[in-house]
Every structure is written in C-alpha cells, then in structure tokens.
Amino acid sequence: MKVFFTKPTKADYEDFQKTLGDGSVLDGRIKIIVTDENGNSGYTFMKEEQREKLGDEYITSHAALEYSSFCEEYHVKISENDFYNDPAKYPVKVVPLYFEGTEGCREIYRGKETGKIYIRENHFPKEQFAKWYICGKRREIDEGNEPRANLIFEFDGQTEKVKYDDWNGVAAYSDTFNVNFNSNA
C-alpha cells in the first residue's frame, strides 16, 4: 500500500460544494490517498488534529482500501481500534462504583472515589452490549462523555471492561460485556 498526504484540491472543494452545498467542510482537513499493489486507489479526508493525534506512521500502517459495490469505487478506511485500545496510551484502570438505581434500560452508578455519575445503557438481552457515559452532577446522557478505553467498571464483585471500536466508540462489546454485572438492575 502506498499512502499519500495532501491538501484538498480545488476540484475537491467544488465536488463538495455541488454535492453538499458547502465546500468549507474540507477546511482544516487533510486528503489521504491510498493505492494498493493492483493500482486500485481511494481517498478520505481527515481532520488535521486527528492526523496529528494518530500520526502518519499509524495512519499509514492502518490504512485499508474497501470496495463499495453500491458506489462502484474504493474507499479508504483507517481503523483507530489499535490506537485507542493501546494500554501504553490508555492504561487499564479499575473504577469502583456504587449502584444508585435504574431509569429504563439505564443503570445509574456513582464513582466511589470521585463521586462522578456513570450511566450504563444496557442493551441486554437484545444484544450483549452496554454503552457507558461519564456525567458530572446530572444524570443526562446528552451531557455525558464517552469514557476512555481500558476502564474496568467494578460493582459488587463483578467487572466490565470498555474498549474502543470504530463501529460505535467506547463501550462494553460482546467480548467484554458482563451479563452478570448487575443482576439486581
């Protein structure tokens, strides 16, 4: 794979203007062009801050081409899973919790050490999946932040680890979801 970094071209701005009615969405972005050994090529636009955060070496080693039969063209995918799940960058940390109650499919916890509110949006039994949120003083998901990867939430002797996945951010996915995390909820 060959990976090139360049600025969006005038033609890119014109295409976005025609398609979206606003070419300025490309402001502050870098164009990443990927070509495979068969000559297939695709591109994506990434925010410059994200490029700086991930670094060119990481982007180059994680860039992949995917063919879309619907669009009849190649697209560039850059998985960020390895970056955010790296324990050297985001060390494993246990967060002990108190249970405060439920609100529908949401379980409300308070951190034993910080007093912060943690919301676990439990999608079991439909899916083995739980989305976690960290809130300040209010129990509102809209005001909550996604936790970082590699946190292990602990309640009543049970643990559940969250990790990052490109599909839906940081959550407890089927391989880290604990069906017994809170059997009283």
C-alpha atoms as a PDB file:
ATOM      1  CA  MET A   1       0.000   0.000   0.000  1.00  0.00           C
ATOM      2  CA  LYS A   2       1.134   3.477  -0.818  1.00  0.00           C
ATOM      3  CA  VAL A   3      -0.265   6.300   1.297  1.00  0.00           C
ATOM      4  CA  PHE A   4      -0.032   9.972   0.327  1.00  0.00           C
ATOM      5  CA  PHE A   5      -0.979  13.015   2.374  1.00  0.00           C
ATOM      6  CA  THR A   6      -2.003  16.172   0.546  1.00  0.00           C
ATOM      7  CA  LYS A   7      -4.261  19.165   0.870  1.00  0.00           C
ATOM      8  CA  PRO A   8      -7.777  19.022  -0.626  1.00  0.00           C
ATOM      9  CA  THR A   9      -7.717  20.298  -4.185  1.00  0.00           C
ATOM     10  CA  LYS A  10      -9.852  22.986  -5.773  1.00  0.00           C
ATOM     11  CA  ALA A  11     -11.761  20.148  -7.515  1.00  0.00           C
ATOM     12  CA  ASP A  12     -12.431  18.507  -4.112  1.00  0.00           C
ATOM     13  CA  TYR A  13     -13.909  21.761  -2.816  1.00  0.00           C
ATOM     14  CA  GLU A  14     -16.038  22.098  -5.963  1.00  0.00           C
ATOM     15  CA  ASP A  15     -17.309  18.484  -5.625  1.00  0.00           C
ATOM     16  CA  PHE A  16     -18.297  19.073  -2.004  1.00  0.00           C
ATOM     17  CA  GLN A  17     -19.951  22.335  -2.968  1.00  0.00           C
ATOM     18  CA  LYS A  18     -22.013  20.549  -5.655  1.00  0.00           C
ATOM     19  CA  THR A  19     -22.846  17.522  -3.515  1.00  0.00           C
ATOM     20  CA  LEU A  20     -23.344  19.048  -0.055  1.00  0.00           C
ATOM     21  CA  GLY A  21     -23.817  22.698  -0.895  1.00  0.00           C
ATOM     22  CA  ASP A  22     -20.821  23.563   1.267  1.00  0.00           C
ATOM     23  CA  GLY A  23     -17.193  23.022   0.343  1.00  0.00           C
ATOM     24  CA  SER A  24     -15.991  24.548   3.608  1.00  0.00           C
ATOM     25  CA  VAL A  25     -16.400  21.164   5.341  1.00  0.00           C
ATOM     26  CA  LEU A  26     -12.946  20.408   3.911  1.00  0.00           C
ATOM     27  CA  ASP A  27     -11.356  23.327   5.780  1.00  0.00           C
ATOM     28  CA  GLY A  28      -8.902  22.013   8.369  1.00  0.00           C
ATOM     29  CA  ARG A  29      -8.747  18.571   6.740  1.00  0.00           C
ATOM     30  CA  ILE A  30      -6.036  16.620   5.012  1.00  0.00           C
ATOM     31  CA  LYS A  31      -6.629  14.373   1.999  1.00  0.00           C
ATOM     32  CA  ILE A  32      -5.276  10.841   2.383  1.00  0.00           C
ATOM     33  CA  ILE A  33      -4.876   8.880  -0.863  1.00  0.00           C
ATOM     34  CA  VAL A  34      -4.258   5.124  -0.697  1.00  0.00           C
ATOM     35  CA  THR A  35      -3.186   2.955  -3.632  1.00  0.00           C
ATOM     36  CA  ASP A  36      -2.780  -0.819  -3.434  1.00  0.00           C
ATOM     37  CA  GLU A  37      -0.378  -3.103  -5.310  1.00  0.00           C
ATOM     38  CA  ASN A  38      -3.024  -3.672  -8.058  1.00  0.00           C
ATOM     39  CA  GLY A  39      -3.325   0.047  -8.780  1.00  0.00           C
ATOM     40  CA  ASN A  40      -6.690   0.466  -7.034  1.00  0.00           C
ATOM     41  CA  SER A  41      -6.986   3.811  -5.330  1.00  0.00           C
ATOM     42  CA  GLY A  42      -9.278   5.643  -2.922  1.00  0.00           C
ATOM     43  CA  TYR A  43      -9.157   8.626  -0.638  1.00  0.00           C
ATOM     44  CA  THR A  44     -10.579  10.082   2.533  1.00  0.00           C
ATOM     45  CA  PHE A  45     -10.451  13.418   4.320  1.00  0.00           C
ATOM     46  CA  MET A  46      -9.292  13.556   7.937  1.00  0.00           C
ATOM     47  CA  LYS A  47      -9.248  16.452  10.350  1.00  0.00           C
ATOM     48  CA  GLU A  48      -5.729  17.782  10.758  1.00  0.00           C
ATOM     49  CA  GLU A  49      -5.980  17.429  14.571  1.00  0.00           C
ATOM     50  CA  GLN A  50      -6.806  13.743  14.156  1.00  0.00           C
ATOM     51  CA  ARG A  51      -3.819  13.278  11.853  1.00  0.00           C
ATOM     52  CA  GLU A  52      -1.578  14.896  14.444  1.00  0.00           C
ATOM     53  CA  LYS A  53      -3.034  12.713  17.195  1.00  0.00           C
ATOM     54  CA  LEU A  54      -2.734   9.410  15.310  1.00  0.00           C
ATOM     55  CA  GLY A  55       0.495  10.251  13.483  1.00  0.00           C
ATOM     56  CA  ASP A  56       1.447   9.483   9.896  1.00  0.00           C
ATOM     57  CA  GLU A  57       3.110   6.166  10.788  1.00  0.00           C
ATOM     58  CA  TYR A  58      -0.042   4.846  12.479  1.00  0.00           C
ATOM     59  CA  ILE A  59      -2.278   6.070   9.635  1.00  0.00           C
ATOM     60  CA  THR A  60      -0.015   4.504   7.003  1.00  0.00           C
ATOM     61  CA  SER A  61       0.105   1.143   8.795  1.00  0.00           C
ATOM     62  CA  HIS A  62      -3.680   1.036   9.367  1.00  0.00           C
ATOM     63  CA  ALA A  63      -4.974   2.389   6.056  1.00  0.00           C
ATOM     64  CA  ALA A  64      -7.038  -0.083   4.047  1.00  0.00           C
ATOM     65  CA  LEU A  65      -8.986   0.048   0.801  1.00  0.00           C
ATOM     66  CA  GLU A  66     -12.557  -1.231   0.730  1.00  0.00           C
ATOM     67  CA  TYR A  67     -14.557  -1.588  -2.451  1.00  0.00           C
ATOM     68  CA  SER A  68     -18.146  -0.314  -2.405  1.00  0.00           C
ATOM     69  CA  SER A  69     -20.263  -2.097  -4.997  1.00  0.00           C
ATOM     70  CA  PHE A  70     -23.004   0.461  -4.378  1.00  0.00           C
ATOM     71  CA  CYS A  71     -20.733   3.420  -5.211  1.00  0.00           C
ATOM     72  CA  GLU A  72     -18.595   1.346  -7.582  1.00  0.00           C
ATOM     73  CA  GLU A  73     -15.394   2.763  -6.145  1.00  0.00           C
ATOM     74  CA  TYR A  74     -12.787   2.209  -3.462  1.00  0.00           C
ATOM     75  CA  HIS A  75     -12.962   3.939  -0.092  1.00  0.00           C
ATOM     76  CA  VAL A  76     -10.231   4.351   2.494  1.00  0.00           C
ATOM     77  CA  LYS A  77     -10.802   3.011   5.980  1.00  0.00           C
ATOM     78  CA  ILE A  78      -8.404   3.800   8.821  1.00  0.00           C
ATOM     79  CA  SER A  79      -9.233   1.786  11.913  1.00  0.00           C
ATOM     80  CA  GLU A  80      -8.490   3.584  15.164  1.00  0.00           C
ATOM     81  CA  ASN A  81      -9.059   0.480  17.329  1.00  0.00           C
ATOM     82  CA  ASP A  82      -5.358  -0.251  17.951  1.00  0.00           C
ATOM     83  CA  PHE A  83      -4.662   3.385  18.816  1.00  0.00           C
ATOM     84  CA  TYR A  84      -7.380   3.811  21.458  1.00  0.00           C
ATOM     85  CA  ASN A  85      -7.092   0.303  22.930  1.00  0.00           C
ATOM     86  CA  ASP A  86      -3.319   0.563  23.401  1.00  0.00           C
ATOM     87  CA  PRO A  87      -2.697   0.120  27.159  1.00  0.00           C
ATOM     88  CA  ALA A  88       0.526   2.145  26.873  1.00  0.00           C
ATOM     89  CA  LYS A  89      -1.543   5.190  25.825  1.00  0.00           C
ATOM     90  CA  TYR A  90      -4.665   4.378  27.841  1.00  0.00           C
ATOM     91  CA  PRO A  91      -3.643   2.246  30.848  1.00  0.00           C
ATOM     92  CA  VAL A  92      -6.064  -0.228  32.393  1.00  0.00           C
ATOM     93  CA  LYS A  93      -7.794   1.350  35.383  1.00  0.00           C
ATOM     94  CA  VAL A  94     -10.446  -0.062  37.729  1.00  0.00           C
ATOM     95  CA  VAL A  95     -13.316   2.280  38.620  1.00  0.00           C
ATOM     96  CA  PRO A  96     -15.192   1.095  41.746  1.00  0.00           C
ATOM     97  CA  LEU A  97     -18.888   2.033  41.726  1.00  0.00           C
ATOM     98  CA  TYR A  98     -21.979   2.327  43.952  1.00  0.00           C
ATOM     99  CA  PHE A  99     -25.351   1.448  42.399  1.00  0.00           C
ATOM    100  CA  GLU A 100     -27.940   4.247  42.572  1.00  0.00           C
ATOM    101  CA  GLY A 101     -30.867   2.846  40.580  1.00  0.00           C
ATOM    102  CA  THR A 102     -32.310   2.333  37.128  1.00  0.00           C
ATOM    103  CA  GLU A 103     -34.117   4.519  34.630  1.00  0.00           C
ATOM    104  CA  GLY A 104     -35.496   2.232  31.913  1.00  0.00           C
ATOM    105  CA  CYS A 105     -32.562   0.366  30.347  1.00  0.00           C
ATOM    106  CA  ARG A 106     -30.118   2.717  32.045  1.00  0.00           C
ATOM    107  CA  GLU A 107     -28.316   1.790  35.218  1.00  0.00           C
ATOM    108  CA  ILE A 108     -27.048   4.693  37.305  1.00  0.00           C
ATOM    109  CA  TYR A 109     -23.819   4.397  39.301  1.00  0.00           C
ATOM    110  CA  ARG A 110     -21.665   6.773  41.321  1.00  0.00           C
ATOM    111  CA  GLY A 111     -17.888   6.501  41.478  1.00  0.00           C
ATOM    112  CA  LYS A 112     -16.666   5.550  44.948  1.00  0.00           C
ATOM    113  CA  GLU A 113     -13.516   7.635  44.553  1.00  0.00           C
ATOM    114  CA  THR A 114     -14.700  10.631  42.515  1.00  0.00           C
ATOM    115  CA  GLY A 115     -18.441  10.911  43.138  1.00  0.00           C
ATOM    116  CA  LYS A 116     -18.986  11.197  39.370  1.00  0.00           C
ATOM    117  CA  ILE A 117     -22.125   9.719  37.884  1.00  0.00           C
ATOM    118  CA  TYR A 118     -21.713   6.807  35.463  1.00  0.00           C
ATOM    119  CA  ILE A 119     -24.567   5.646  33.272  1.00  0.00           C
ATOM    120  CA  ARG A 120     -24.594   2.145  31.816  1.00  0.00           C
ATOM    121  CA  GLU A 121     -27.041   1.905  28.926  1.00  0.00           C
ATOM    122  CA  ASN A 122     -27.622  -1.848  28.901  1.00  0.00           C
ATOM    123  CA  HIS A 123     -28.878  -3.414  25.657  1.00  0.00           C
ATOM    124  CA  PHE A 124     -29.135  -6.972  27.003  1.00  0.00           C
ATOM    125  CA  PRO A 125     -30.924  -9.338  26.169  1.00  0.00           C
ATOM    126  CA  LYS A 126     -31.322  -7.896  22.647  1.00  0.00           C
ATOM    127  CA  GLU A 127     -27.531  -7.505  22.362  1.00  0.00           C
ATOM    128  CA  GLN A 128     -24.576  -8.232  24.604  1.00  0.00           C
ATOM    129  CA  PHE A 129     -23.615  -4.581  24.568  1.00  0.00           C
ATOM    130  CA  ALA A 130     -23.533  -1.730  27.076  1.00  0.00           C
ATOM    131  CA  LYS A 131     -22.678   1.885  26.331  1.00  0.00           C
ATOM    132  CA  TRP A 132     -21.142   3.761  29.252  1.00  0.00           C
ATOM    133  CA  TYR A 133     -21.250   7.518  29.910  1.00  0.00           C
ATOM    134  CA  ILE A 134     -19.466   9.694  32.466  1.00  0.00           C
ATOM    135  CA  CYS A 135     -21.543  12.602  33.731  1.00  0.00           C
ATOM    136  CA  GLY A 136     -20.931  15.477  36.089  1.00  0.00           C
ATOM    137  CA  LYS A 137     -23.684  16.163  38.602  1.00  0.00           C
ATOM    138  CA  ARG A 138     -26.636  15.474  36.287  1.00  0.00           C
ATOM    139  CA  ARG A 139     -27.911  12.096  35.064  1.00  0.00           C
ATOM    140  CA  GLU A 140     -28.232  13.146  31.439  1.00  0.00           C
ATOM    141  CA  ILE A 141     -26.627  11.137  28.649  1.00  0.00           C
ATOM    142  CA  ASP A 142     -26.663  14.231  26.438  1.00  0.00           C
ATOM    143  CA  GLU A 143     -24.349  15.886  28.953  1.00  0.00           C
ATOM    144  CA  GLY A 144     -22.276  12.760  29.488  1.00  0.00           C
ATOM    145  CA  ASN A 145     -18.923  11.995  27.942  1.00  0.00           C
ATOM    146  CA  GLU A 146     -17.767   8.734  26.477  1.00  0.00           C
ATOM    147  CA  PRO A 147     -15.196   7.114  28.784  1.00  0.00           C
ATOM    148  CA  ARG A 148     -11.750   6.302  27.522  1.00  0.00           C
ATOM    149  CA  ALA A 149     -10.850   2.745  26.553  1.00  0.00           C
ATOM    150  CA  ASN A 150      -9.414   0.245  29.039  1.00  0.00           C
ATOM    151  CA  LEU A 151     -11.525   1.274  32.016  1.00  0.00           C
ATOM    152  CA  ILE A 152     -12.830  -1.610  34.093  1.00  0.00           C
ATOM    153  CA  PHE A 153     -16.006  -0.773  35.966  1.00  0.00           C
ATOM    154  CA  GLU A 154     -16.417  -2.730  39.205  1.00  0.00           C
ATOM    155  CA  PHE A 155     -19.614  -3.238  41.190  1.00  0.00           C
ATOM    156  CA  ASP A 156     -20.462  -5.844  43.812  1.00  0.00           C
ATOM    157  CA  GLY A 157     -17.609  -8.177  42.835  1.00  0.00           C
ATOM    158  CA  GLN A 158     -18.404  -8.032  39.084  1.00  0.00           C
ATOM    159  CA  THR A 159     -16.376  -6.201  36.452  1.00  0.00           C
ATOM    160  CA  GLU A 160     -16.979  -4.970  32.914  1.00  0.00           C
ATOM    161  CA  LYS A 161     -14.264  -3.563  30.674  1.00  0.00           C
ATOM    162  CA  VAL A 162     -14.875  -0.975  27.961  1.00  0.00           C
ATOM    163  CA  LYS A 163     -12.872  -0.756  24.767  1.00  0.00           C
ATOM    164  CA  TYR A 164     -12.904   1.347  21.624  1.00  0.00           C
ATOM    165  CA  ASP A 165     -14.374   0.029  18.383  1.00  0.00           C
ATOM    166  CA  ASP A 166     -14.717   2.013  15.159  1.00  0.00           C
ATOM    167  CA  TRP A 167     -18.317   0.779  14.941  1.00  0.00           C
ATOM    168  CA  ASN A 168     -19.663   2.661  17.984  1.00  0.00           C
ATOM    169  CA  GLY A 169     -16.887   4.201  20.039  1.00  0.00           C
ATOM    170  CA  VAL A 170     -16.100   3.141  23.605  1.00  0.00           C
ATOM    171  CA  ALA A 171     -18.432   0.513  25.092  1.00  0.00           C
ATOM    172  CA  ALA A 172     -18.621  -2.999  26.506  1.00  0.00           C
ATOM    173  CA  TYR A 173     -18.959  -5.170  23.408  1.00  0.00           C
ATOM    174  CA  SER A 174     -19.896  -8.864  23.311  1.00  0.00           C
ATOM    175  CA  ASP A 175     -16.337  -9.947  24.187  1.00  0.00           C
ATOM    176  CA  THR A 176     -16.139  -7.708  27.301  1.00  0.00           C
ATOM    177  CA  PHE A 177     -19.844  -7.382  28.196  1.00  0.00           C
ATOM    178  CA  ASN A 178     -20.694  -8.957  31.582  1.00  0.00           C
ATOM    179  CA  VAL A 179     -24.270 -10.270  31.689  1.00  0.00           C
ATOM    180  CA  ASN A 180     -23.915 -10.572  35.484  1.00  0.00           C
ATOM    181  CA  PHE A 181     -22.533  -7.073  36.049  1.00  0.00           C
ATOM    182  CA  ASN A 182     -25.630  -6.050  37.998  1.00  0.00           C
ATOM    183  CA  SER A 183     -28.160  -8.820  38.377  1.00  0.00           C
ATOM    184  CA  ASN A 184     -30.302  -6.549  40.621  1.00  0.00           C
ATOM    185  CA  ALA A 185     -30.854  -3.905  37.924  1.00  0.00           C
END
